[in-house]
Structure formats: structure tokens, C-alpha cells
N, C-alpha and C. Protein backbone atom coordinates (compact mmCIF):
# COMPACT_ATOMS: atom_id res chain seq x y z
N UNK A 1 62.42 95.30 -58.42
CA UNK A 1 61.67 94.34 -57.99
C UNK A 1 61.91 93.87 -56.52
N UNK A 2 60.88 93.54 -55.70
CA UNK A 2 61.11 93.27 -54.35
C UNK A 2 61.37 91.75 -54.30
N UNK A 3 62.28 91.35 -53.45
CA UNK A 3 62.58 89.94 -53.24
C UNK A 3 62.49 89.73 -51.73
N UNK A 4 62.04 88.58 -51.25
CA UNK A 4 61.74 88.37 -49.84
C UNK A 4 62.43 87.06 -49.52
N UNK A 5 63.10 87.05 -48.34
CA UNK A 5 63.83 85.88 -47.67
C UNK A 5 63.23 85.68 -46.26
N UNK A 6 62.62 84.61 -45.99
CA UNK A 6 62.15 84.35 -44.68
C UNK A 6 63.26 83.49 -43.92
N UNK A 7 63.10 83.72 -42.56
CA UNK A 7 64.10 82.85 -41.75
C UNK A 7 63.50 82.74 -40.32
N UNK A 8 64.00 81.81 -39.48
CA UNK A 8 63.62 81.77 -38.12
C UNK A 8 62.77 80.53 -37.86
N UNK A 9 62.39 79.76 -38.84
CA UNK A 9 61.70 78.59 -38.62
C UNK A 9 62.49 77.47 -37.95
N UNK A 10 61.75 76.51 -37.42
CA UNK A 10 62.49 75.35 -36.83
C UNK A 10 61.52 74.51 -35.97
N UNK A 11 62.09 73.70 -35.17
CA UNK A 11 61.36 72.72 -34.35
C UNK A 11 61.28 73.25 -32.94
N UNK A 12 59.97 73.30 -32.48
CA UNK A 12 59.80 73.79 -31.03
C UNK A 12 58.67 72.92 -30.38
N UNK A 13 58.71 72.89 -29.05
CA UNK A 13 57.69 72.04 -28.40
C UNK A 13 56.50 72.93 -28.21
N UNK A 14 55.31 72.36 -28.05
CA UNK A 14 54.15 73.00 -27.80
C UNK A 14 54.22 73.92 -26.67
N UNK A 15 53.69 75.11 -26.78
CA UNK A 15 53.90 76.15 -25.74
C UNK A 15 55.04 76.95 -25.83
N UNK A 16 55.89 76.68 -26.76
CA UNK A 16 57.14 77.40 -27.02
C UNK A 16 56.86 78.63 -27.99
N UNK A 17 57.95 79.31 -28.23
CA UNK A 17 57.88 80.50 -29.08
C UNK A 17 58.93 80.34 -30.21
N UNK A 18 58.60 81.10 -31.32
CA UNK A 18 59.61 81.36 -32.41
C UNK A 18 59.34 82.77 -33.01
N UNK A 19 60.33 83.32 -33.54
CA UNK A 19 60.19 84.58 -34.24
C UNK A 19 60.69 84.40 -35.65
N UNK A 20 59.88 84.67 -36.56
CA UNK A 20 60.11 84.57 -37.98
C UNK A 20 60.54 86.00 -38.45
N UNK A 21 61.34 85.98 -39.37
CA UNK A 21 61.70 87.26 -40.07
C UNK A 21 61.59 87.22 -41.56
N UNK A 22 61.29 88.20 -42.12
CA UNK A 22 61.23 88.34 -43.59
C UNK A 22 61.95 89.58 -44.04
N UNK A 23 63.12 89.37 -44.70
CA UNK A 23 63.85 90.52 -45.10
C UNK A 23 63.51 90.73 -46.62
N UNK A 24 63.11 92.06 -46.78
CA UNK A 24 62.79 92.42 -48.20
C UNK A 24 63.96 93.28 -48.84
N UNK A 25 64.19 92.98 -50.05
CA UNK A 25 65.28 93.70 -50.83
C UNK A 25 64.59 94.13 -52.14
N UNK A 26 65.24 95.18 -52.64
CA UNK A 26 64.80 95.52 -53.94
C UNK A 26 64.13 97.01 -53.94
N UNK A 27 63.62 97.35 -55.08
CA UNK A 27 62.96 98.68 -55.23
C UNK A 27 61.77 98.83 -54.21
N UNK A 28 61.77 99.98 -53.59
CA UNK A 28 60.63 100.37 -52.74
C UNK A 28 60.17 99.27 -51.87
N UNK A 29 61.11 98.57 -51.29
CA UNK A 29 60.66 97.41 -50.37
C UNK A 29 59.85 97.81 -49.22
N UNK A 30 59.91 99.06 -48.73
CA UNK A 30 59.30 99.47 -47.56
C UNK A 30 57.79 100.02 -47.79
N UNK A 31 57.43 100.03 -49.09
CA UNK A 31 56.11 100.66 -49.29
C UNK A 31 54.96 99.78 -49.39
N UNK A 32 55.30 98.45 -49.36
CA UNK A 32 54.16 97.51 -49.56
C UNK A 32 53.55 97.07 -48.18
N UNK A 33 52.20 96.84 -48.13
CA UNK A 33 51.68 96.11 -47.03
C UNK A 33 52.26 94.69 -46.96
N UNK A 34 52.54 94.13 -45.88
CA UNK A 34 53.26 92.84 -45.74
C UNK A 34 52.29 91.82 -44.93
N UNK A 35 52.34 90.55 -45.37
CA UNK A 35 51.52 89.58 -44.87
C UNK A 35 52.24 88.36 -44.59
N UNK A 36 51.83 87.54 -43.61
CA UNK A 36 52.32 86.15 -43.40
C UNK A 36 51.19 85.15 -43.77
N UNK A 37 51.52 84.12 -44.46
CA UNK A 37 50.55 83.08 -44.68
C UNK A 37 51.21 81.74 -44.27
N UNK A 38 50.50 80.67 -44.19
CA UNK A 38 51.07 79.40 -43.81
C UNK A 38 50.27 78.27 -44.62
N UNK A 39 51.12 77.15 -44.83
CA UNK A 39 50.55 76.07 -45.55
C UNK A 39 50.87 74.86 -44.75
N UNK A 40 49.81 74.25 -44.01
CA UNK A 40 50.13 73.08 -43.17
C UNK A 40 50.26 71.96 -44.24
N UNK A 41 50.89 70.86 -43.76
CA UNK A 41 51.02 69.68 -44.76
C UNK A 41 49.67 69.17 -45.24
N UNK A 42 49.62 69.09 -46.54
CA UNK A 42 48.45 68.47 -47.19
C UNK A 42 47.16 69.54 -47.14
N UNK A 43 47.42 70.68 -46.82
CA UNK A 43 46.30 71.64 -46.81
C UNK A 43 46.59 72.90 -47.62
N UNK A 44 45.58 73.70 -47.79
CA UNK A 44 45.79 74.92 -48.51
C UNK A 44 46.43 76.04 -47.76
N UNK A 45 47.05 76.96 -48.52
CA UNK A 45 47.71 78.04 -47.92
C UNK A 45 46.61 78.92 -47.23
N UNK A 46 46.99 79.50 -46.07
CA UNK A 46 46.00 80.35 -45.39
C UNK A 46 46.68 81.57 -44.92
N UNK A 47 45.86 82.64 -44.76
CA UNK A 47 46.38 83.84 -44.30
C UNK A 47 46.50 83.83 -42.81
N UNK A 48 47.58 84.36 -42.29
CA UNK A 48 47.92 84.40 -40.82
C UNK A 48 47.70 85.82 -40.30
N UNK A 49 48.34 86.87 -40.87
CA UNK A 49 48.40 88.16 -40.37
C UNK A 49 48.99 89.07 -41.40
N UNK A 50 48.46 90.35 -41.33
CA UNK A 50 49.11 91.30 -42.18
C UNK A 50 49.34 92.72 -41.49
N UNK A 51 50.13 93.47 -42.11
CA UNK A 51 50.45 94.80 -41.43
C UNK A 51 50.61 95.89 -42.50
N UNK A 52 49.95 96.97 -42.25
CA UNK A 52 50.15 98.04 -43.36
C UNK A 52 51.37 98.78 -43.19
N UNK A 53 51.72 99.68 -44.15
CA UNK A 53 53.00 100.50 -44.02
C UNK A 53 53.00 101.36 -42.72
N UNK A 54 51.77 101.66 -42.29
CA UNK A 54 51.70 102.54 -41.08
C UNK A 54 51.69 101.69 -39.75
N UNK A 55 51.76 100.42 -39.97
CA UNK A 55 51.82 99.51 -38.83
C UNK A 55 50.56 98.90 -38.18
N UNK A 56 49.46 99.17 -38.95
CA UNK A 56 48.14 98.60 -38.58
C UNK A 56 48.10 97.16 -38.87
N UNK A 57 47.83 96.32 -37.92
CA UNK A 57 47.95 94.82 -37.96
C UNK A 57 46.61 94.17 -37.93
N UNK A 58 46.50 93.02 -38.57
CA UNK A 58 45.22 92.21 -38.62
C UNK A 58 45.64 90.77 -38.42
N UNK A 59 44.83 89.94 -37.73
CA UNK A 59 45.21 88.56 -37.45
C UNK A 59 44.01 87.59 -37.82
N UNK A 60 44.43 86.46 -38.26
CA UNK A 60 43.36 85.38 -38.37
C UNK A 60 42.95 84.91 -36.87
N UNK A 61 41.73 84.53 -36.77
CA UNK A 61 41.20 84.25 -35.35
C UNK A 61 42.04 83.09 -34.72
N UNK A 62 42.65 82.24 -35.59
CA UNK A 62 43.29 81.14 -35.00
C UNK A 62 44.64 81.46 -34.24
N UNK A 63 45.20 82.68 -34.62
CA UNK A 63 46.39 83.15 -34.07
C UNK A 63 46.29 84.32 -33.11
N UNK A 64 45.08 84.94 -33.13
CA UNK A 64 44.84 86.23 -32.40
C UNK A 64 45.19 86.04 -30.94
N UNK A 65 45.99 86.96 -30.49
CA UNK A 65 46.37 86.77 -28.92
C UNK A 65 47.72 86.02 -28.72
N UNK A 66 48.10 85.27 -29.74
CA UNK A 66 49.28 84.45 -29.64
C UNK A 66 50.42 85.05 -30.53
N UNK A 67 50.08 85.42 -31.74
CA UNK A 67 51.11 85.88 -32.63
C UNK A 67 51.06 87.42 -32.79
N UNK A 68 52.18 88.05 -33.08
CA UNK A 68 52.29 89.45 -33.26
C UNK A 68 53.15 89.75 -34.47
N UNK A 69 52.64 90.45 -35.38
CA UNK A 69 53.31 90.89 -36.61
C UNK A 69 53.78 92.33 -36.37
N UNK A 70 55.02 92.62 -36.90
CA UNK A 70 55.56 93.86 -36.75
C UNK A 70 56.44 94.19 -37.89
N UNK A 71 56.87 95.42 -38.15
CA UNK A 71 57.72 95.71 -39.29
C UNK A 71 58.67 96.81 -38.82
N UNK A 72 59.87 96.67 -39.52
CA UNK A 72 60.85 97.79 -39.24
C UNK A 72 61.15 98.37 -40.72
N UNK A 73 60.57 99.43 -41.02
CA UNK A 73 60.70 99.88 -42.39
C UNK A 73 62.16 100.26 -42.70
N UNK A 74 62.90 100.72 -41.74
CA UNK A 74 64.30 101.12 -42.04
C UNK A 74 65.00 99.94 -42.35
N UNK A 75 64.71 98.81 -41.80
CA UNK A 75 65.42 97.56 -42.23
C UNK A 75 64.68 96.73 -43.21
N UNK A 76 63.52 97.35 -43.61
CA UNK A 76 62.70 96.57 -44.53
C UNK A 76 62.49 95.14 -44.14
N UNK A 77 62.13 94.90 -42.93
CA UNK A 77 62.02 93.58 -42.35
C UNK A 77 60.68 93.46 -41.63
N UNK A 78 59.97 92.37 -41.87
CA UNK A 78 58.86 92.08 -41.08
C UNK A 78 58.99 90.87 -40.24
N UNK A 79 58.40 90.86 -39.08
CA UNK A 79 58.55 89.90 -38.06
C UNK A 79 57.24 89.24 -37.78
N UNK A 80 57.34 88.04 -37.35
CA UNK A 80 56.15 87.42 -36.80
C UNK A 80 56.59 86.61 -35.54
N UNK A 81 56.21 87.17 -34.36
CA UNK A 81 56.52 86.67 -33.09
C UNK A 81 55.41 85.66 -32.82
N UNK A 82 55.66 84.35 -32.57
CA UNK A 82 54.74 83.37 -32.41
C UNK A 82 54.86 82.71 -30.93
N UNK A 83 53.96 82.92 -30.06
CA UNK A 83 54.05 82.41 -28.81
C UNK A 83 52.96 81.37 -28.61
N UNK A 84 53.02 80.65 -27.44
CA UNK A 84 52.09 79.63 -27.10
C UNK A 84 51.76 78.80 -28.38
N UNK A 85 52.85 78.24 -29.01
CA UNK A 85 52.68 77.46 -30.17
C UNK A 85 51.96 76.15 -29.97
N UNK A 86 51.20 75.82 -30.91
CA UNK A 86 50.38 74.51 -30.90
C UNK A 86 50.83 73.63 -32.04
N UNK A 87 50.64 72.34 -31.93
CA UNK A 87 50.96 71.39 -33.05
C UNK A 87 50.21 71.84 -34.23
N UNK A 88 49.05 72.34 -34.21
CA UNK A 88 48.28 72.78 -35.42
C UNK A 88 48.97 74.04 -36.05
N UNK A 89 49.85 74.67 -35.45
CA UNK A 89 50.53 75.73 -36.03
C UNK A 89 51.58 75.24 -36.94
N UNK A 90 51.96 73.99 -37.10
CA UNK A 90 52.97 73.50 -37.90
C UNK A 90 52.62 73.74 -39.27
N UNK A 91 53.56 74.24 -40.03
CA UNK A 91 53.27 74.67 -41.48
C UNK A 91 54.61 75.21 -42.03
N UNK A 92 54.55 75.34 -43.34
CA UNK A 92 55.49 76.32 -44.02
C UNK A 92 54.97 77.73 -44.01
N UNK A 93 55.74 78.69 -43.38
CA UNK A 93 55.33 80.00 -43.38
C UNK A 93 55.91 80.82 -44.47
N UNK A 94 55.02 81.64 -45.13
CA UNK A 94 55.48 82.37 -46.29
C UNK A 94 55.16 83.96 -45.99
N UNK A 95 56.05 84.67 -46.40
CA UNK A 95 55.99 86.07 -46.35
C UNK A 95 55.50 86.62 -47.60
N UNK A 96 54.68 87.58 -47.70
CA UNK A 96 54.06 88.16 -48.85
C UNK A 96 54.13 89.68 -48.76
N UNK A 97 54.45 90.38 -49.96
CA UNK A 97 54.52 91.79 -50.09
C UNK A 97 53.48 92.26 -51.13
N UNK A 98 52.72 93.12 -50.85
CA UNK A 98 51.74 93.74 -51.70
C UNK A 98 50.77 92.82 -52.35
N UNK A 99 50.56 91.65 -51.82
CA UNK A 99 49.64 90.75 -52.29
C UNK A 99 50.09 89.87 -53.50
N UNK A 100 51.33 90.18 -53.98
CA UNK A 100 51.63 89.40 -55.12
C UNK A 100 53.13 88.93 -55.23
N UNK A 101 54.02 89.22 -54.20
CA UNK A 101 55.40 88.82 -54.18
C UNK A 101 55.56 87.86 -53.02
N UNK A 102 56.05 86.59 -53.21
CA UNK A 102 56.25 85.61 -52.21
C UNK A 102 57.68 85.30 -51.93
N UNK A 103 57.94 84.96 -50.59
CA UNK A 103 59.21 84.39 -50.35
C UNK A 103 59.14 82.89 -50.62
N UNK A 104 60.29 82.25 -50.18
CA UNK A 104 60.55 80.85 -50.43
C UNK A 104 59.80 80.02 -49.38
N UNK A 105 59.60 80.52 -48.12
CA UNK A 105 58.92 79.91 -47.04
C UNK A 105 60.00 79.39 -46.08
N UNK A 106 59.53 79.24 -44.76
CA UNK A 106 60.41 78.65 -43.71
C UNK A 106 59.49 77.73 -42.91
N UNK A 107 60.01 76.56 -42.56
CA UNK A 107 59.21 75.55 -41.98
C UNK A 107 59.17 75.61 -40.45
N UNK A 108 58.03 75.63 -39.90
CA UNK A 108 57.85 75.58 -38.50
C UNK A 108 57.14 74.33 -38.12
N UNK A 109 57.75 73.58 -37.17
CA UNK A 109 57.25 72.31 -36.64
C UNK A 109 57.12 72.37 -35.12
N UNK A 110 55.89 72.20 -34.71
CA UNK A 110 55.54 72.20 -33.25
C UNK A 110 55.23 70.78 -32.81
N UNK A 111 56.01 70.22 -31.86
CA UNK A 111 55.90 68.92 -31.39
C UNK A 111 54.85 68.98 -30.18
N UNK A 112 54.18 67.90 -30.01
CA UNK A 112 53.28 67.84 -28.75
C UNK A 112 53.90 67.21 -27.61
């Protein structure tokens, strides 16, 4: 069974950058498409980006051009590079594997 652990969240000023990591462990951790979701305070969880095992990426319109998702299959790690952060990017960010396995989340707070 795949387990996911996110890291890299924190407090950053608007315009700054953060890099989130999602370390996957367990059986066949490298074969799943991987996604990032986020849940702002008081709002529903929303999809941010995903990446196939071959490295094809897709992004929500709200982050396109600012965020980059990547994966290192050898390290079974997925990254989310977040640049030009805005206060509205503040949320708990969750990693997802295969559409059904979730990490515990990491908090990102962007101050104005």
C-alpha cells in the first residue's frame, strides 16, 4: 500500500516561492499518476495540478504559469514548485496518488 508524506509548507510573503515535496513509499509507489490538491480555510478541496507517470502535467487555471509539478520516479517523489505566490494560494496542500490515496497535508500561508 502506498503512503504519502508532504513537506515544504510554511509562511511566505506574497510574491515569494515555496517548493512542496510528496514522498511516496510502499508497493509500486512510482506507477501512479500523482496530483496536488489544496483546501483553503472554510472552502472545499480543489485540484491544483497532476502529472502522469510519463511526466505529462496539467494545471488549474488559477496556478498555470506560476506552479510547476514534477516527479522523480527513482525517488518516488513529486514536487510542486510554487512561484509568485498570492494570499489566495493560502491553503492546506495535499498530495494524492492514483486518485484514491491521500497524504496528511502541509500548510501554506501567504501573507500580503
